[in-house]
Amino acid sequence: MQAAPATAHPPQKLYHQAVPWLDTDGQPINAHGAGIVAHQNAYYLYGELKAGKTELVPGQGWECYRVPAGGVACYSSHDLLNWHKEGVALAPNTTDPHHDLHVSKVIERPKVIYNDRTKLFVMWLHVDSETYGYSQAGVATSTSPTGPFQYQGSVQPNGQMVRDLTLFKDDDGRAYLIFASESNATMHMVLLTDDYLAPTTQEKQILVNQSREAPALFKYRGLYYLLTSGCTGWAPNAATYAVAKTPLGEWRQHGNPCVGPGAASTFGGQGTFVLPVPGHPSEFVFLTDRWNKTDLEASQYAWLRLKMVGRRPRIYGASQAQPR
């Protein structure tokens, strides 16, 4: 991650977001499955733009609610509290039903990192057919953090299907694509090429046969922490965390990092990203979506406090001003 801009606000203000969450124009923020990148003097938030009528795709064996693919929205902020709508960073395709980004398809969990060598912003995202049988990772690039991003195509890394994904850029500049695979049974960790545009063959299967999704990875004091949720459709469930000494090393699974009332359902949300709080080394923000499966455009968000207590992450609900 780029060096984060300083914020003038105490970190406690980051954990109590308004419902609904409004941008600087007073409109609801529409950026789901989001990720954040810090660049120069600003933060940029990227997420799924969900708008239009929510419909149930029949015959899927699960509650496959979806809206037309709206592309990837971008918002910018200098303080993590006030967010300005920058527009659609990656636009959907409206003319070619065979295109990965056609409005009839699925565009999910976009994440962006900056490549210091190529000077490009690189976005990876889960792209799929409306029945989730395509299962690919798409990649797009831009010279500007606000886009427009140019779509470069999609891939199944080393022949593996892709569902929920995230990106992680390490301190040494290496970047990793982490994704649920094998019909969500197992998570995969793949080192990307130096330009971040393709997977390498350096890959690790983790959380094997544990059926985890919604990965969010962060680093603290030389260790790597991976937060995931269970696979229960749109219903919230208990998060768990895993720890490793290296991204492609051995991962040890642990229990639920959430504490207090609502911990068993991750306080009604599903994780998507972990953001370090500038100036507070043991404090992080755990970004979550609160899904409304029958009206996805009305889905909301909760930014939760993640506090490292020794080597253990602890996540607190928005109503818990002071952790125990």
C-alpha atoms as a PDB file:
ATOM      1  CA  MET A   1       0.000   0.000   0.000  1.00  0.00           C
ATOM      2  CA  GLN A   2       1.098   3.570  -0.650  1.00  0.00           C
ATOM      3  CA  ALA A   3       1.880   5.733   2.352  1.00  0.00           C
ATOM      4  CA  ALA A   4      -1.439   6.788   3.829  1.00  0.00           C
ATOM      5  CA  PRO A   5      -2.329  10.465   4.137  1.00  0.00           C
ATOM      6  CA  ALA A   6      -2.697  11.717   7.653  1.00  0.00           C
ATOM      7  CA  THR A   7      -6.168  12.224   9.104  1.00  0.00           C
ATOM      8  CA  ALA A   8      -7.098  14.900  11.584  1.00  0.00           C
ATOM      9  CA  HIS A   9      -9.813  12.804  13.183  1.00  0.00           C
ATOM     10  CA  PRO A  10      -9.510  10.396  16.122  1.00  0.00           C
ATOM     11  CA  PRO A  11      -9.903   6.794  14.932  1.00  0.00           C
ATOM     12  CA  GLN A  12     -13.118   6.319  16.925  1.00  0.00           C
ATOM     13  CA  LYS A  13     -14.955   8.498  14.397  1.00  0.00           C
ATOM     14  CA  LEU A  14     -14.211   5.989  11.653  1.00  0.00           C
ATOM     15  CA  TYR A  15     -16.216   3.225  13.326  1.00  0.00           C
ATOM     16  CA  HIS A  16     -19.593   4.944  13.520  1.00  0.00           C
ATOM     17  CA  GLN A  17     -20.885   5.456  10.022  1.00  0.00           C
ATOM     18  CA  ALA A  18     -24.210   7.110   9.253  1.00  0.00           C
ATOM     19  CA  VAL A  19     -27.070   4.923   8.000  1.00  0.00           C
ATOM     20  CA  PRO A  20     -27.633   5.479   5.152  1.00  0.00           C
ATOM     21  CA  TRP A  21     -24.057   6.469   4.365  1.00  0.00           C
ATOM     22  CA  LEU A  22     -24.066   9.619   2.224  1.00  0.00           C
ATOM     23  CA  ASP A  23     -21.438  11.164  -0.048  1.00  0.00           C
ATOM     24  CA  THR A  24     -20.562  14.864  -0.126  1.00  0.00           C
ATOM     25  CA  ASP A  25     -23.517  15.509  -2.464  1.00  0.00           C
ATOM     26  CA  GLY A  26     -25.926  13.981   0.042  1.00  0.00           C
ATOM     27  CA  GLN A  27     -26.495  10.846  -2.047  1.00  0.00           C
ATOM     28  CA  PRO A  28     -26.167   7.258  -0.750  1.00  0.00           C
ATOM     29  CA  ILE A  29     -22.722   5.803  -1.394  1.00  0.00           C
ATOM     30  CA  ASN A  30     -23.035   2.902  -3.824  1.00  0.00           C
ATOM     31  CA  ALA A  31     -19.826   0.858  -3.624  1.00  0.00           C
ATOM     32  CA  HIS A  32     -20.228  -2.695  -2.368  1.00  0.00           C
ATOM     33  CA  GLY A  33     -17.645  -5.435  -1.855  1.00  0.00           C
ATOM     34  CA  ALA A  34     -15.292  -2.498  -1.591  1.00  0.00           C
ATOM     35  CA  GLY A  35     -11.571  -1.915  -1.317  1.00  0.00           C
ATOM     36  CA  ILE A  36      -9.491   1.187  -0.630  1.00  0.00           C
ATOM     37  CA  VAL A  37      -6.149   2.388  -1.972  1.00  0.00           C
ATOM     38  CA  ALA A  38      -4.189   5.308  -0.529  1.00  0.00           C
ATOM     39  CA  HIS A  39      -2.307   7.398  -3.080  1.00  0.00           C
ATOM     40  CA  GLN A  40      -0.485  10.669  -2.519  1.00  0.00           C
ATOM     41  CA  ASN A  41      -2.847  12.862  -0.497  1.00  0.00           C
ATOM     42  CA  ALA A  42      -6.087  10.936  -0.857  1.00  0.00           C
ATOM     43  CA  TYR A  43      -7.917   7.662  -0.352  1.00  0.00           C
ATOM     44  CA  TYR A  44      -9.881   6.028  -3.151  1.00  0.00           C
ATOM     45  CA  LEU A  45     -12.796   3.686  -2.487  1.00  0.00           C
ATOM     46  CA  TYR A  46     -13.845   1.209  -5.190  1.00  0.00           C
ATOM     47  CA  GLY A  47     -16.935  -0.970  -5.069  1.00  0.00           C
ATOM     48  CA  GLU A  48     -19.717  -2.676  -6.981  1.00  0.00           C
ATOM     49  CA  LEU A  49     -22.314  -0.251  -8.289  1.00  0.00           C
ATOM     50  CA  LYS A  50     -25.635  -1.937  -7.570  1.00  0.00           C
ATOM     51  CA  ALA A  51     -28.657  -0.191  -9.065  1.00  0.00           C
ATOM     52  CA  GLY A  52     -31.946  -1.263 -10.553  1.00  0.00           C
ATOM     53  CA  LYS A  53     -34.445  -3.967  -9.788  1.00  0.00           C
ATOM     54  CA  THR A  54     -33.234  -6.967  -7.808  1.00  0.00           C
ATOM     55  CA  GLU A  55     -34.310 -10.259  -9.359  1.00  0.00           C
ATOM     56  CA  LEU A  56     -33.889 -13.896  -8.395  1.00  0.00           C
ATOM     57  CA  VAL A  57     -32.161 -16.093 -10.965  1.00  0.00           C
ATOM     58  CA  PRO A  58     -34.187 -19.326 -10.921  1.00  0.00           C
ATOM     59  CA  GLY A  59     -32.890 -22.873 -10.663  1.00  0.00           C
ATOM     60  CA  GLN A  60     -29.616 -22.159  -8.846  1.00  0.00           C
ATOM     61  CA  GLY A  61     -30.153 -24.093  -5.619  1.00  0.00           C
ATOM     62  CA  TRP A  62     -29.395 -20.958  -3.607  1.00  0.00           C
ATOM     63  CA  GLU A  63     -30.795 -17.444  -3.339  1.00  0.00           C
ATOM     64  CA  CYS A  64     -29.145 -16.014  -6.460  1.00  0.00           C
ATOM     65  CA  TYR A  65     -30.414 -12.455  -6.196  1.00  0.00           C
ATOM     66  CA  ARG A  66     -28.771  -9.960  -8.497  1.00  0.00           C
ATOM     67  CA  VAL A  67     -29.136  -6.626 -10.297  1.00  0.00           C
ATOM     68  CA  PRO A  68     -27.802  -5.636 -13.729  1.00  0.00           C
ATOM     69  CA  ALA A  69     -24.025  -5.226 -13.544  1.00  0.00           C
ATOM     70  CA  GLY A  70     -23.358  -1.536 -12.991  1.00  0.00           C
ATOM     71  CA  GLY A  71     -19.569  -1.515 -13.159  1.00  0.00           C
ATOM     72  CA  VAL A  72     -17.213  -0.234 -10.473  1.00  0.00           C
ATOM     73  CA  ALA A  73     -17.853   3.033  -8.652  1.00  0.00           C
ATOM     74  CA  CYS A  74     -15.070   5.238  -7.261  1.00  0.00           C
ATOM     75  CA  TYR A  75     -15.146   7.730  -4.378  1.00  0.00           C
ATOM     76  CA  SER A  76     -12.311   9.851  -2.998  1.00  0.00           C
ATOM     77  CA  SER A  77     -11.600  11.251   0.465  1.00  0.00           C
ATOM     78  CA  HIS A  78      -8.878  13.103   2.334  1.00  0.00           C
ATOM     79  CA  ASP A  79     -10.066  12.146   5.816  1.00  0.00           C
ATOM     80  CA  LEU A  80     -11.902   8.778   5.478  1.00  0.00           C
ATOM     81  CA  LEU A  81     -15.085  10.479   6.673  1.00  0.00           C
ATOM     82  CA  ASN A  82     -16.221  12.625   3.757  1.00  0.00           C
ATOM     83  CA  TRP A  83     -16.404  10.861   0.396  1.00  0.00           C
ATOM     84  CA  HIS A  84     -16.719  12.582  -2.976  1.00  0.00           C
ATOM     85  CA  LYS A  85     -18.249  10.642  -5.862  1.00  0.00           C
ATOM     86  CA  GLU A  86     -15.743  10.393  -8.713  1.00  0.00           C
ATOM     87  CA  GLY A  87     -18.039   8.386 -10.972  1.00  0.00           C
ATOM     88  CA  VAL A  88     -17.789   4.986 -12.621  1.00  0.00           C
ATOM     89  CA  ALA A  89     -14.143   3.904 -12.719  1.00  0.00           C
ATOM     90  CA  LEU A  90     -14.819   0.740 -14.742  1.00  0.00           C
ATOM     91  CA  ALA A  91     -17.910   0.922 -16.922  1.00  0.00           C
ATOM     92  CA  PRO A  92     -20.097  -2.063 -17.801  1.00  0.00           C
ATOM     93  CA  ASN A  93     -20.609  -3.141 -21.390  1.00  0.00           C
ATOM     94  CA  THR A  94     -24.096  -2.473 -22.752  1.00  0.00           C
ATOM     95  CA  THR A  95     -23.835  -3.832 -26.294  1.00  0.00           C
ATOM     96  CA  ASP A  96     -22.070  -7.213 -26.338  1.00  0.00           C
ATOM     97  CA  PRO A  97     -23.792  -9.981 -24.319  1.00  0.00           C
ATOM     98  CA  HIS A  98     -20.628 -12.111 -24.619  1.00  0.00           C
ATOM     99  CA  HIS A  99     -18.388  -9.510 -22.962  1.00  0.00           C
ATOM    100  CA  ASP A 100     -17.193 -10.216 -19.409  1.00  0.00           C
ATOM    101  CA  LEU A 101     -18.551  -6.852 -18.238  1.00  0.00           C
ATOM    102  CA  HIS A 102     -21.905  -6.944 -19.983  1.00  0.00           C
ATOM    103  CA  VAL A 103     -24.783  -5.743 -17.826  1.00  0.00           C
ATOM    104  CA  SER A 104     -26.228  -9.278 -17.876  1.00  0.00           C
ATOM    105  CA  LYS A 105     -23.101 -10.639 -16.141  1.00  0.00           C
ATOM    106  CA  VAL A 106     -21.709 -10.451 -12.593  1.00  0.00           C
ATOM    107  CA  ILE A 107     -19.089  -7.905 -11.468  1.00  0.00           C
ATOM    108  CA  GLU A 108     -18.008  -8.353  -7.843  1.00  0.00           C
ATOM    109  CA  ARG A 109     -15.439  -7.362  -5.187  1.00  0.00           C
ATOM    110  CA  PRO A 110     -13.173  -4.999  -7.146  1.00  0.00           C
ATOM    111  CA  LYS A 111      -9.800  -4.295  -5.539  1.00  0.00           C
ATOM    112  CA  VAL A 112      -7.122  -1.847  -6.719  1.00  0.00           C
ATOM    113  CA  ILE A 113      -3.388  -1.553  -6.034  1.00  0.00           C
ATOM    114  CA  TYR A 114      -0.769   0.771  -7.476  1.00  0.00           C
ATOM    115  CA  ASN A 115       2.283  -0.495  -9.319  1.00  0.00           C
ATOM    116  CA  ASP A 116       5.223   1.776  -8.515  1.00  0.00           C
ATOM    117  CA  ARG A 117       7.255   0.527 -11.488  1.00  0.00           C
ATOM    118  CA  THR A 118       4.651   0.761 -14.265  1.00  0.00           C
ATOM    119  CA  LYS A 119       2.829   3.751 -12.683  1.00  0.00           C
ATOM    120  CA  LEU A 120      -0.473   1.995 -13.300  1.00  0.00           C
ATOM    121  CA  PHE A 121      -3.419   1.398 -11.021  1.00  0.00           C
ATOM    122  CA  VAL A 122      -4.359  -2.259 -11.368  1.00  0.00           C
ATOM    123  CA  MET A 123      -7.827  -3.571 -10.585  1.00  0.00           C
ATOM    124  CA  TRP A 124      -8.748  -7.210 -10.105  1.00  0.00           C
ATOM    125  CA  LEU A 125     -12.361  -8.305  -9.768  1.00  0.00           C
ATOM    126  CA  HIS A 126     -14.546 -11.390  -9.856  1.00  0.00           C
ATOM    127  CA  VAL A 127     -16.411 -11.653 -13.161  1.00  0.00           C
ATOM    128  CA  ASP A 128     -19.032 -14.296 -13.759  1.00  0.00           C
ATOM    129  CA  SER A 129     -22.080 -15.375 -15.722  1.00  0.00           C
ATOM    130  CA  GLU A 130     -25.485 -14.751 -14.217  1.00  0.00           C
ATOM    131  CA  THR A 131     -25.545 -18.377 -13.023  1.00  0.00           C
ATOM    132  CA  TYR A 132     -21.993 -18.176 -11.577  1.00  0.00           C
ATOM    133  CA  GLY A 133     -20.701 -20.852 -13.909  1.00  0.00           C
ATOM    134  CA  TYR A 134     -17.943 -18.723 -15.518  1.00  0.00           C
ATOM    135  CA  SER A 135     -15.883 -18.029 -12.360  1.00  0.00           C
ATOM    136  CA  GLN A 136     -13.042 -15.848 -13.641  1.00  0.00           C
ATOM    137  CA  ALA A 137     -10.788 -13.080 -12.342  1.00  0.00           C
ATOM    138  CA  GLY A 138     -10.821  -9.968 -14.482  1.00  0.00           C
ATOM    139  CA  VAL A 139      -8.083  -7.323 -14.599  1.00  0.00           C
ATOM    140  CA  ALA A 140      -8.182  -3.668 -15.637  1.00  0.00           C
ATOM    141  CA  THR A 141      -5.677  -0.794 -15.595  1.00  0.00           C
ATOM    142  CA  SER A 142      -5.629   2.984 -15.443  1.00  0.00           C
ATOM    143  CA  THR A 143      -3.079   5.778 -15.238  1.00  0.00           C
ATOM    144  CA  SER A 144      -5.414   7.637 -12.864  1.00  0.00           C
ATOM    145  CA  PRO A 145      -6.897   6.396  -9.571  1.00  0.00           C
ATOM    146  CA  THR A 146     -10.337   7.604 -10.656  1.00  0.00           C
ATOM    147  CA  GLY A 147     -10.175   5.873 -14.043  1.00  0.00           C
ATOM    148  CA  PRO A 148     -11.385   5.237 -16.571  1.00  0.00           C
ATOM    149  CA  PHE A 149      -9.971   1.735 -16.176  1.00  0.00           C
ATOM    150  CA  GLN A 150      -9.361  -0.239 -19.361  1.00  0.00           C
ATOM    151  CA  TYR A 151     -10.404  -3.872 -19.179  1.00  0.00           C
ATOM    152  CA  GLN A 152      -7.587  -6.288 -20.081  1.00  0.00           C
ATOM    153  CA  GLY A 153      -9.494  -9.580 -19.954  1.00  0.00           C
ATOM    154  CA  SER A 154      -9.990 -12.425 -17.499  1.00  0.00           C
ATOM    155  CA  VAL A 155      -8.308 -15.623 -16.382  1.00  0.00           C
ATOM    156  CA  GLN A 156      -8.702 -18.661 -14.164  1.00  0.00           C
ATOM    157  CA  PRO A 157      -5.332 -18.611 -12.349  1.00  0.00           C
ATOM    158  CA  ASN A 158      -3.524 -21.884 -12.988  1.00  0.00           C
ATOM    159  CA  GLY A 159      -6.816 -23.346 -14.172  1.00  0.00           C
ATOM    160  CA  GLN A 160      -8.654 -22.666 -10.893  1.00  0.00           C
ATOM    161  CA  MET A 161     -12.158 -21.188 -10.684  1.00  0.00           C
ATOM    162  CA  VAL A 162     -12.499 -17.792  -9.005  1.00  0.00           C
ATOM    163  CA  ARG A 163     -15.256 -16.524  -6.745  1.00  0.00           C
ATOM    164  CA  ASP A 164     -14.837 -13.928  -3.939  1.00  0.00           C
ATOM    165  CA  LEU A 165     -11.408 -12.330  -4.176  1.00  0.00           C
ATOM    166  CA  THR A 166      -9.122  -9.704  -2.726  1.00  0.00           C
ATOM    167  CA  LEU A 167      -5.705  -8.184  -3.472  1.00  0.00           C
ATOM    168  CA  PHE A 168      -2.744  -7.605  -1.181  1.00  0.00           C
ATOM    169  CA  LYS A 169       0.366  -5.538  -1.904  1.00  0.00           C
ATOM    170  CA  ASP A 170       3.210  -6.379   0.463  1.00  0.00           C
ATOM    171  CA  ASP A 171       5.914  -4.053   1.789  1.00  0.00           C
ATOM    172  CA  ASP A 172       8.408  -5.461  -0.728  1.00  0.00           C
ATOM    173  CA  GLY A 173       6.160  -4.544  -3.657  1.00  0.00           C
ATOM    174  CA  ARG A 174       5.003  -8.078  -4.359  1.00  0.00           C
ATOM    175  CA  ALA A 175       1.280  -8.486  -4.884  1.00  0.00           C
ATOM    176  CA  TYR A 176      -1.019 -11.427  -4.262  1.00  0.00           C
ATOM    177  CA  LEU A 177      -4.443 -12.445  -5.522  1.00  0.00           C
ATOM    178  CA  ILE A 178      -6.479 -14.322  -2.907  1.00  0.00           C
ATOM    179  CA  PHE A 179      -9.696 -16.014  -3.968  1.00  0.00           C
ATOM    180  CA  ALA A 180     -12.275 -18.627  -3.038  1.00  0.00           C
ATOM    181  CA  SER A 181     -12.063 -21.567  -5.422  1.00  0.00           C
ATOM    182  CA  GLU A 182     -13.097 -25.205  -5.935  1.00  0.00           C
ATOM    183  CA  SER A 183     -16.774 -24.245  -5.618  1.00  0.00           C
ATOM    184  CA  ASN A 184     -15.859 -22.172  -2.556  1.00  0.00           C
ATOM    185  CA  ALA A 185     -14.384 -25.184  -0.728  1.00  0.00           C
ATOM    186  CA  THR A 186     -10.787 -23.903  -0.620  1.00  0.00           C
ATOM    187  CA  MET A 187      -9.042 -20.526  -0.695  1.00  0.00           C
ATOM    188  CA  HIS A 188      -6.116 -19.927  -3.059  1.00  0.00           C
ATOM    189  CA  MET A 189      -3.203 -17.491  -2.690  1.00  0.00           C
ATOM    190  CA  VAL A 190      -1.363 -16.623  -5.933  1.00  0.00           C
ATOM    191  CA  LEU A 191       1.667 -14.387  -6.449  1.00  0.00           C
ATOM    192  CA  LEU A 192       1.133 -11.942  -9.312  1.00  0.00           C
ATOM    193  CA  THR A 193       3.704 -11.015 -11.923  1.00  0.00           C
ATOM    194  CA  ASP A 194       5.809  -7.899 -11.317  1.00  0.00           C
ATOM    195  CA  ASP A 195       3.389  -5.767 -13.345  1.00  0.00           C
ATOM    196  CA  TYR A 196       0.417  -7.215 -11.345  1.00  0.00           C
ATOM    197  CA  LEU A 197      -1.368  -8.113 -14.585  1.00  0.00           C
ATOM    198  CA  ALA A 198      -1.191 -11.903 -14.473  1.00  0.00           C
ATOM    199  CA  PRO A 199      -0.914 -14.774 -12.003  1.00  0.00           C
ATOM    200  CA  THR A 200       2.329 -16.681 -11.631  1.00  0.00           C
ATOM    201  CA  THR A 201       2.559 -20.402 -10.941  1.00  0.00           C
ATOM    202  CA  GLN A 202       3.567 -19.664  -7.336  1.00  0.00           C
ATOM    203  CA  GLU A 203       0.336 -20.633  -5.645  1.00  0.00           C
ATOM    204  CA  LYS A 204      -0.784 -21.968  -2.273  1.00  0.00           C
ATOM    205  CA  GLN A 205      -4.026 -23.704  -1.335  1.00  0.00           C
ATOM    206  CA  ILE A 206      -5.168 -22.528   2.087  1.00  0.00           C
ATOM    207  CA  LEU A 207      -8.159 -23.180   4.350  1.00  0.00           C
ATOM    208  CA  VAL A 208      -8.594 -26.427   2.440  1.00  0.00           C
ATOM    209  CA  ASN A 209     -12.169 -27.800   2.466  1.00  0.00           C
ATOM    210  CA  GLN A 210     -13.235 -25.187   5.024  1.00  0.00           C
ATOM    211  CA  SER A 211     -15.742 -23.409   2.720  1.00  0.00           C
ATOM    212  CA  ARG A 212     -14.707 -19.817   3.406  1.00  0.00           C
ATOM    213  CA  GLU A 213     -15.363 -16.727   1.291  1.00  0.00           C
ATOM    214  CA  ALA A 214     -15.104 -12.901   1.484  1.00  0.00           C
ATOM    215  CA  PRO A 215     -11.325 -12.774   2.067  1.00  0.00           C
ATOM    216  CA  ALA A 216      -9.663  -9.681   3.549  1.00  0.00           C
ATOM    217  CA  LEU A 217      -5.898  -9.726   4.194  1.00  0.00           C
ATOM    218  CA  PHE A 218      -3.710  -7.438   6.302  1.00  0.00           C
ATOM    219  CA  LYS A 219      -0.252  -7.454   7.861  1.00  0.00           C
ATOM    220  CA  TYR A 220       0.757  -6.666  11.434  1.00  0.00           C
ATOM    221  CA  ARG A 221       4.207  -6.893  12.997  1.00  0.00           C
ATOM    222  CA  GLY A 222       5.537  -9.251  10.353  1.00  0.00           C
ATOM    223  CA  LEU A 223       2.579 -11.655  10.363  1.00  0.00           C
ATOM    224  CA  TYR A 224      -0.215 -11.981   7.809  1.00  0.00           C
ATOM    225  CA  TYR A 225      -3.864 -12.167   8.853  1.00  0.00           C
ATOM    226  CA  LEU A 226      -6.696 -13.376   6.647  1.00  0.00           C
ATOM    227  CA  LEU A 227     -10.309 -12.693   7.646  1.00  0.00           C
ATOM    228  CA  THR A 228     -13.035 -14.728   5.947  1.00  0.00           C
ATOM    229  CA  SER A 229     -16.730 -15.525   6.314  1.00  0.00           C
ATOM    230  CA  GLY A 230     -18.631 -18.768   6.018  1.00  0.00           C
ATOM    231  CA  CYS A 231     -20.669 -19.640   2.929  1.00  0.00           C
ATOM    232  CA  THR A 232     -24.259 -18.936   3.958  1.00  0.00           C
ATOM    233  CA  GLY A 233     -25.515 -17.011   0.946  1.00  0.00           C
ATOM    234  CA  TRP A 234     -26.668 -13.506   1.842  1.00  0.00           C
ATOM    235  CA  ALA A 235     -27.119 -14.333   5.549  1.00  0.00           C
ATOM    236  CA  PRO A 236     -24.379 -13.044   7.880  1.00  0.00           C
ATOM    237  CA  ASN A 237     -22.351 -15.560   9.862  1.00  0.00           C
ATOM    238  CA  ALA A 238     -19.348 -15.761  12.152  1.00  0.00           C
ATOM    239  CA  ALA A 239     -16.037 -14.548  10.772  1.00  0.00           C
ATOM    240  CA  THR A 240     -12.816 -16.442  11.402  1.00  0.00           C
ATOM    241  CA  TYR A 241      -9.183 -15.487  10.966  1.00  0.00           C
ATOM    242  CA  ALA A 242      -6.056 -17.317   9.866  1.00  0.00           C
ATOM    243  CA  VAL A 243      -2.405 -16.393  10.438  1.00  0.00           C
ATOM    244  CA  ALA A 244       0.799 -17.072   8.470  1.00  0.00           C
ATOM    245  CA  LYS A 245       4.423 -15.977   8.511  1.00  0.00           C
ATOM    246  CA  THR A 246       4.485 -15.616   4.720  1.00  0.00           C
ATOM    247  CA  PRO A 247       1.645 -15.322   2.190  1.00  0.00           C
ATOM    248  CA  LEU A 248       2.588 -18.593   0.478  1.00  0.00           C
ATOM    249  CA  GLY A 249       3.460 -20.349   3.739  1.00  0.00           C
ATOM    250  CA  GLU A 250       1.424 -22.386   6.169  1.00  0.00           C
ATOM    251  CA  TRP A 251      -1.779 -20.771   7.416  1.00  0.00           C
ATOM    252  CA  ARG A 252      -3.199 -21.606  10.821  1.00  0.00           C
ATOM    253  CA  GLN A 253      -6.933 -21.143  11.229  1.00  0.00           C
ATOM    254  CA  HIS A 254      -8.330 -19.527  14.378  1.00  0.00           C
ATOM    255  CA  GLY A 255     -11.802 -18.719  15.657  1.00  0.00           C
ATOM    256  CA  ASN A 256     -14.088 -15.717  15.512  1.00  0.00           C
ATOM    257  CA  PRO A 257     -12.269 -12.394  16.085  1.00  0.00           C
ATOM    258  CA  CYS A 258     -15.534 -10.553  16.806  1.00  0.00           C
ATOM    259  CA  VAL A 259     -16.469  -9.928  20.439  1.00  0.00           C
ATOM    260  CA  GLY A 260     -19.618  -8.709  22.164  1.00  0.00           C
ATOM    261  CA  PRO A 261     -23.304  -8.744  21.171  1.00  0.00           C
ATOM    262  CA  GLY A 262     -23.714  -9.612  17.514  1.00  0.00           C
ATOM    263  CA  ALA A 263     -20.333 -11.331  17.225  1.00  0.00           C
ATOM    264  CA  ALA A 264     -21.879 -14.585  15.941  1.00  0.00           C
ATOM    265  CA  SER A 265     -23.125 -12.772  12.814  1.00  0.00           C
ATOM    266  CA  THR A 266     -20.159 -10.384  12.377  1.00  0.00           C
ATOM    267  CA  PHE A 267     -22.547  -7.674  13.605  1.00  0.00           C
ATOM    268  CA  GLY A 268     -24.857  -8.288  10.649  1.00  0.00           C
ATOM    269  CA  GLY A 269     -22.205  -7.782   7.994  1.00  0.00           C
ATOM    270  CA  GLN A 270     -19.789  -9.581   5.706  1.00  0.00           C
ATOM    271  CA  GLY A 271     -16.183  -8.447   5.433  1.00  0.00           C
ATOM    272  CA  THR A 272     -14.585  -7.044   2.321  1.00  0.00           C
ATOM    273  CA  PHE A 273     -11.404  -5.131   3.284  1.00  0.00           C
ATOM    274  CA  VAL A 274      -9.095  -4.171   6.159  1.00  0.00           C
ATOM    275  CA  LEU A 275      -7.703  -0.633   6.248  1.00  0.00           C
ATOM    276  CA  PRO A 276      -4.843   0.434   8.573  1.00  0.00           C
ATOM    277  CA  VAL A 277      -5.650   3.549  10.596  1.00  0.00           C
ATOM    278  CA  PRO A 278      -2.859   6.085   9.953  1.00  0.00           C
ATOM    279  CA  GLY A 279      -0.939   7.024  13.064  1.00  0.00           C
ATOM    280  CA  HIS A 280      -2.343   4.117  15.091  1.00  0.00           C
ATOM    281  CA  PRO A 281      -0.284   0.984  14.328  1.00  0.00           C
ATOM    282  CA  SER A 282      -2.536  -1.493  16.165  1.00  0.00           C
ATOM    283  CA  GLU A 283      -5.827  -0.049  14.856  1.00  0.00           C
ATOM    284  CA  PHE A 284      -7.591  -1.055  11.645  1.00  0.00           C
ATOM    285  CA  VAL A 285     -10.974  -0.535  10.036  1.00  0.00           C
ATOM    286  CA  PHE A 286     -12.829  -3.710   9.012  1.00  0.00           C
ATOM    287  CA  LEU A 287     -15.096  -2.800   6.089  1.00  0.00           C
ATOM    288  CA  THR A 288     -18.291  -4.851   5.884  1.00  0.00           C
ATOM    289  CA  ASP A 289     -21.419  -4.962   3.740  1.00  0.00           C
ATOM    290  CA  ARG A 290     -24.858  -5.378   5.257  1.00  0.00           C
ATOM    291  CA  TRP A 291     -26.649  -7.078   2.409  1.00  0.00           C
ATOM    292  CA  ASN A 292     -30.328  -6.605   1.585  1.00  0.00           C
ATOM    293  CA  LYS A 293     -30.774  -9.579  -0.688  1.00  0.00           C
ATOM    294  CA  THR A 294     -34.181  -8.583  -2.113  1.00  0.00           C
ATOM    295  CA  ASP A 295     -33.144  -4.957  -2.708  1.00  0.00           C
ATOM    296  CA  LEU A 296     -29.401  -4.983  -3.283  1.00  0.00           C
ATOM    297  CA  GLU A 297     -29.271  -1.275  -4.085  1.00  0.00           C
ATOM    298  CA  ALA A 298     -30.508  -0.621  -0.524  1.00  0.00           C
ATOM    299  CA  SER A 299     -27.701  -2.674   1.050  1.00  0.00           C
ATOM    300  CA  GLN A 300     -25.772  -0.749   3.681  1.00  0.00           C
ATOM    301  CA  TYR A 301     -22.335  -0.790   5.283  1.00  0.00           C
ATOM    302  CA  ALA A 302     -20.621  -0.944   8.654  1.00  0.00           C
ATOM    303  CA  TRP A 303     -17.024   0.067   9.291  1.00  0.00           C
ATOM    304  CA  LEU A 304     -15.956  -1.828  12.403  1.00  0.00           C
ATOM    305  CA  ARG A 305     -13.075  -1.358  14.789  1.00  0.00           C
ATOM    306  CA  LEU A 306     -10.342  -3.977  14.475  1.00  0.00           C
ATOM    307  CA  LYS A 307      -7.879  -3.736  17.349  1.00  0.00           C
ATOM    308  CA  MET A 308      -4.794  -5.909  17.659  1.00  0.00           C
ATOM    309  CA  VAL A 309      -4.490  -7.198  21.213  1.00  0.00           C
ATOM    310  CA  GLY A 310      -1.040  -8.713  21.296  1.00  0.00           C
ATOM    311  CA  ARG A 311      -1.031 -10.946  18.227  1.00  0.00           C
ATOM    312  CA  ARG A 312      -4.807 -11.436  18.160  1.00  0.00           C
ATOM    313  CA  PRO A 313      -7.283  -9.371  16.139  1.00  0.00           C
ATOM    314  CA  ARG A 314     -10.414  -8.266  17.971  1.00  0.00           C
ATOM    315  CA  ILE A 315     -13.377  -6.766  16.104  1.00  0.00           C
ATOM    316  CA  TYR A 316     -16.016  -4.712  17.899  1.00  0.00           C
ATOM    317  CA  GLY A 317     -19.513  -3.674  16.894  1.00  0.00           C
ATOM    318  CA  ALA A 318     -20.195  -0.072  15.989  1.00  0.00           C
ATOM    319  CA  SER A 319     -22.056   0.471  19.277  1.00  0.00           C
ATOM    320  CA  GLN A 320     -19.065  -0.585  21.369  1.00  0.00           C
ATOM    321  CA  ALA A 321     -17.264   2.703  21.965  1.00  0.00           C
ATOM    322  CA  GLN A 322     -14.703   1.164  24.306  1.00  0.00           C
ATOM    323  CA  PRO A 323     -13.596  -2.455  23.804  1.00  0.00           C
ATOM    324  CA  ARG A 324     -13.289  -4.810  26.715  1.00  0.00           C
END
